[in-house]
Amino acid sequence: MLALDHLVICTEDLETGAQEVSEKLGAPLKDGGRHAVFGTHSKLLSLGSDTYLKIIAKDPGSAAPRRARWFGLDDFAGPMRVANWVVRSNELSHLISLGAAGPGSPMASSRDGLRWTMVVPDDGRLELDGIAPTLIEWRGGTHPCQSLPDQNVRLTTLKLQHPDVTTSYLPDDPRVETQKGPHLISATFETTSGPVSL
C-alpha cells in the first residue's frame, strides 16, 4: 500500500525559510534535527495524523557530506519552494525489486527514536525534477506525526505538473492531482486563516 507521507520544501537557509512558511501557514514549525550523512537540517509541521511538512536546507554547521545531498539540495538555489513529496510503503523491498522505486539506493537512517529506509538517488537529483515521489518505509512502528503537535493545518491539494508526468505508483489520494504541462509543484493548505498555497 502507498500513502502520502510528507512534503519536502527546500530552502537555502533553514531559519529564513521556516519563518516564511510559519508566517504563511500561521503555525510554528518544530525542530526536525540534523542528518549528518547528508549535511542537512530540517524543521517539521504536522498536517494531520499521518502526513507532515518538512522544510530542509544544507546545514552550515555540518561537515561536507561524502555523498550527494538528498532532495537535490546540492543544486538548489532561489526562493524556498516545494521540491518533492514522499510516499510511504510497508513493502519497500518489493517495490525496489520491481524497479518501481526509481533510481537510487535504499538507505537506512535513524534519529530521536525514529527509524526509516528511504530510496535516495546516488547523485541526489530528483526524478522528473521532483514530480516523481521519493519512497520511504518507517520501521519500528514510530512516525514523526506521533510527536508533532497538531496546528490545524491540512493539505488539501498537491498539484504535480510535468511534460512526462505519470500516475504509475502514485497513492490513491484525492489530494494529489497530476497533469501534463510545464514543470510545477504546488501545495494548497487549509489553515485557521483560510486557504494558503506554497
Protein backbone atom coordinates (compact mmCIF):
# COMPACT_ATOMS: atom_id res chain seq x y z
CA MET A 1 0.00 0.00 0.00
CA LEU A 2 1.23 3.51 -0.88
CA ALA A 3 0.28 6.62 1.09
CA LEU A 4 1.31 10.25 1.02
CA ASP A 5 3.74 10.68 3.91
CA HIS A 6 5.25 14.16 3.74
CA LEU A 7 6.01 17.17 1.57
CA VAL A 8 9.56 18.45 1.17
CA ILE A 9 10.20 22.18 0.94
CA CYS A 10 13.78 23.14 0.11
CA THR A 11 15.33 26.42 1.15
CA GLU A 12 18.80 27.98 1.07
CA ASP A 13 18.62 28.98 4.75
CA LEU A 14 16.56 26.93 7.20
CA GLU A 15 15.66 29.65 9.68
CA THR A 16 14.64 32.13 6.98
CA GLY A 17 12.64 29.55 5.04
CA ALA A 18 10.96 28.16 8.15
CA GLN A 19 9.95 31.64 9.28
CA GLU A 20 8.37 32.30 5.89
CA VAL A 21 6.45 29.01 5.96
CA SER A 22 5.37 29.62 9.55
CA GLU A 23 4.06 33.09 8.72
CA LYS A 24 2.17 31.90 5.65
CA LEU A 25 0.57 28.91 7.35
CA GLY A 26 0.07 30.60 10.71
CA ALA A 27 1.78 27.82 12.66
CA PRO A 28 5.21 27.30 14.26
CA LEU A 29 7.48 24.55 12.97
CA LYS A 30 9.27 22.05 15.20
CA ASP A 31 12.97 21.21 15.02
CA GLY A 32 13.44 18.17 12.78
CA GLY A 33 17.06 17.55 13.67
CA ARG A 34 20.20 17.06 11.64
CA HIS A 35 21.07 14.44 9.04
CA ALA A 36 24.85 14.12 9.30
CA VAL A 37 25.28 11.74 6.35
CA PHE A 38 23.70 14.35 4.05
CA GLY A 39 24.89 17.51 5.79
CA THR A 40 21.34 18.87 6.17
CA HIS A 41 18.95 20.01 8.87
CA SER A 42 15.19 20.45 8.93
CA LYS A 43 12.03 21.67 10.63
CA LEU A 44 8.64 19.92 10.63
CA LEU A 45 4.93 20.74 10.74
CA SER A 46 2.05 18.32 11.27
CA LEU A 47 -0.56 18.15 8.52
CA GLY A 48 -2.72 15.70 10.46
CA SER A 49 -2.41 12.25 11.96
CA ASP A 50 -0.24 10.70 9.24
CA THR A 51 1.11 13.49 6.99
CA TYR A 52 3.57 16.28 7.65
CA LEU A 53 5.61 19.01 6.02
CA LYS A 54 9.41 19.14 6.12
CA ILE A 55 11.49 22.19 5.27
CA ILE A 56 15.12 21.30 4.70
CA ALA A 57 18.40 23.05 3.90
CA LYS A 58 22.13 22.50 3.86
CA ASP A 59 23.47 22.58 7.40
CA PRO A 60 26.33 25.09 7.63
CA GLY A 61 27.36 23.52 10.94
CA SER A 62 27.94 20.07 9.42
CA ALA A 63 30.96 18.74 7.63
CA ALA A 64 30.61 18.40 3.86
CA PRO A 65 28.98 15.03 3.17
CA ARG A 66 30.84 12.27 1.33
CA ARG A 67 27.87 11.74 -0.96
CA ALA A 68 25.37 13.89 -2.81
CA ARG A 69 22.75 15.53 -0.61
CA TRP A 70 19.18 14.26 -0.90
CA PHE A 71 16.31 16.23 -2.46
CA GLY A 72 18.66 17.89 -4.94
CA LEU A 73 20.00 20.28 -2.31
CA ASP A 74 23.48 20.43 -3.83
CA ASP A 75 21.98 22.24 -6.83
CA PHE A 76 19.22 24.12 -5.02
CA ALA A 77 19.09 27.91 -5.33
CA GLY A 78 16.42 30.60 -5.19
CA PRO A 79 13.37 31.09 -3.00
CA MET A 80 12.05 28.31 -0.80
CA ARG A 81 9.63 26.03 -2.62
CA VAL A 82 8.00 22.60 -2.62
CA ALA A 83 10.67 20.41 -4.23
CA ASN A 84 9.47 16.84 -3.69
CA TRP A 85 6.99 14.64 -1.90
CA VAL A 86 7.49 11.38 -0.06
CA VAL A 87 5.28 8.31 -0.28
CA ARG A 88 5.42 5.58 2.34
CA SER A 89 5.07 1.88 1.78
CA ASN A 90 5.26 -1.18 4.01
CA GLU A 91 6.58 -3.16 1.03
CA LEU A 92 9.60 -1.07 0.04
CA SER A 93 11.84 -4.06 -0.71
CA HIS A 94 9.20 -5.47 -3.05
CA LEU A 95 8.83 -2.15 -4.89
CA ILE A 96 12.60 -1.93 -5.26
CA SER A 97 12.72 -5.45 -6.69
CA LEU A 98 10.10 -4.43 -9.27
CA GLY A 99 12.08 -1.36 -10.22
CA ALA A 100 9.20 0.79 -9.01
CA ALA A 101 11.21 2.83 -6.50
CA GLY A 102 13.02 4.84 -9.15
CA PRO A 103 16.77 5.32 -9.42
CA GLY A 104 18.82 5.27 -6.25
CA SER A 105 19.72 3.11 -3.31
CA PRO A 106 17.79 2.25 -0.14
CA MET A 107 19.40 3.96 2.84
CA ALA A 108 18.59 3.09 6.44
CA SER A 109 18.56 6.08 8.81
CA SER A 110 17.55 6.89 12.36
CA ARG A 111 17.24 9.84 14.75
CA ASP A 112 15.46 10.53 18.03
CA GLY A 113 13.78 7.12 18.16
CA LEU A 114 12.68 7.20 14.52
CA ARG A 115 13.91 4.57 12.08
CA TRP A 116 13.31 4.53 8.35
CA THR A 117 14.59 3.36 4.99
CA MET A 118 14.42 5.75 2.05
CA VAL A 119 15.39 5.36 -1.58
CA VAL A 120 17.90 8.13 -2.31
CA PRO A 121 19.26 8.85 -5.81
CA ASP A 122 23.00 8.33 -5.85
CA ASP A 123 23.57 11.72 -7.46
CA GLY A 124 20.95 13.44 -5.28
CA ARG A 125 18.90 14.51 -8.30
CA LEU A 126 15.15 14.08 -8.10
CA GLU A 127 13.33 12.07 -10.76
CA LEU A 128 11.17 14.23 -13.06
CA ASP A 129 12.51 17.31 -11.25
CA GLY A 130 10.77 16.26 -8.04
CA ILE A 131 7.44 15.28 -9.60
CA ALA A 132 8.11 11.57 -9.02
CA PRO A 133 7.87 10.83 -5.30
CA THR A 134 10.62 9.57 -3.05
CA LEU A 135 9.73 6.28 -1.33
CA ILE A 136 10.09 5.63 2.40
CA GLU A 137 9.33 2.81 4.81
CA TRP A 138 9.10 3.58 8.52
CA ARG A 139 10.44 0.86 10.78
CA GLY A 140 9.67 0.16 14.42
CA GLY A 141 6.12 1.49 14.41
CA THR A 142 7.06 5.12 15.17
CA HIS A 143 6.17 8.02 12.87
CA PRO A 144 7.03 11.75 13.20
CA CYS A 145 3.33 12.70 13.38
CA GLN A 146 3.08 10.94 16.72
CA SER A 147 5.23 13.63 18.34
CA LEU A 148 4.29 16.69 16.28
CA PRO A 149 1.67 19.00 17.79
CA ASP A 150 -1.45 19.44 15.68
CA GLN A 151 -1.51 23.05 14.43
CA ASN A 152 -4.79 22.67 12.49
CA VAL A 153 -3.08 22.90 9.11
CA ARG A 154 -4.21 20.40 6.49
CA LEU A 155 -3.02 19.69 2.97
CA THR A 156 -5.94 19.99 0.57
CA THR A 157 -4.19 19.73 -2.83
CA LEU A 158 -0.79 18.69 -4.12
CA LYS A 159 -0.57 19.68 -7.78
CA LEU A 160 2.07 17.94 -9.91
CA GLN A 161 2.64 19.08 -13.48
CA HIS A 162 5.34 17.90 -15.90
CA PRO A 163 5.60 17.00 -19.61
CA ASP A 164 6.35 13.39 -18.63
CA VAL A 165 4.09 13.05 -15.60
CA THR A 166 2.76 9.55 -14.92
CA THR A 167 0.30 8.12 -12.46
CA SER A 168 2.29 4.89 -12.04
CA TYR A 169 2.96 4.00 -8.42
CA LEU A 170 1.11 7.03 -7.05
CA PRO A 171 -1.01 6.67 -3.93
CA ASP A 172 -4.77 6.64 -4.31
CA ASP A 173 -5.17 10.02 -2.66
CA PRO A 174 -7.73 12.64 -3.76
CA ARG A 175 -5.38 15.41 -2.65
CA VAL A 176 -2.82 14.51 -5.35
CA GLU A 177 -3.51 15.97 -8.80
CA THR A 178 -1.34 15.28 -11.86
CA GLN A 179 -1.40 16.74 -15.34
CA LYS A 180 0.92 17.17 -18.30
CA GLY A 181 2.41 20.62 -18.81
CA PRO A 182 5.35 22.81 -17.81
CA HIS A 183 7.06 21.73 -14.59
CA LEU A 184 5.14 22.80 -11.49
CA ILE A 185 4.77 21.55 -7.93
CA SER A 186 2.39 23.43 -5.67
CA ALA A 187 0.59 22.64 -2.45
CA THR A 188 -2.56 24.21 -1.03
CA PHE A 189 -3.39 24.05 2.67
CA GLU A 190 -6.40 24.84 4.80
CA THR A 191 -5.30 26.93 7.79
CA THR A 192 -7.05 28.71 10.61
CA SER A 193 -6.97 31.83 8.42
CA GLY A 194 -8.21 30.14 5.23
CA PRO A 195 -6.54 28.50 2.22
CA VAL A 196 -2.84 29.13 1.56
CA SER A 197 -0.74 27.95 -1.39
CA LEU A 198 3.02 27.34 -1.48
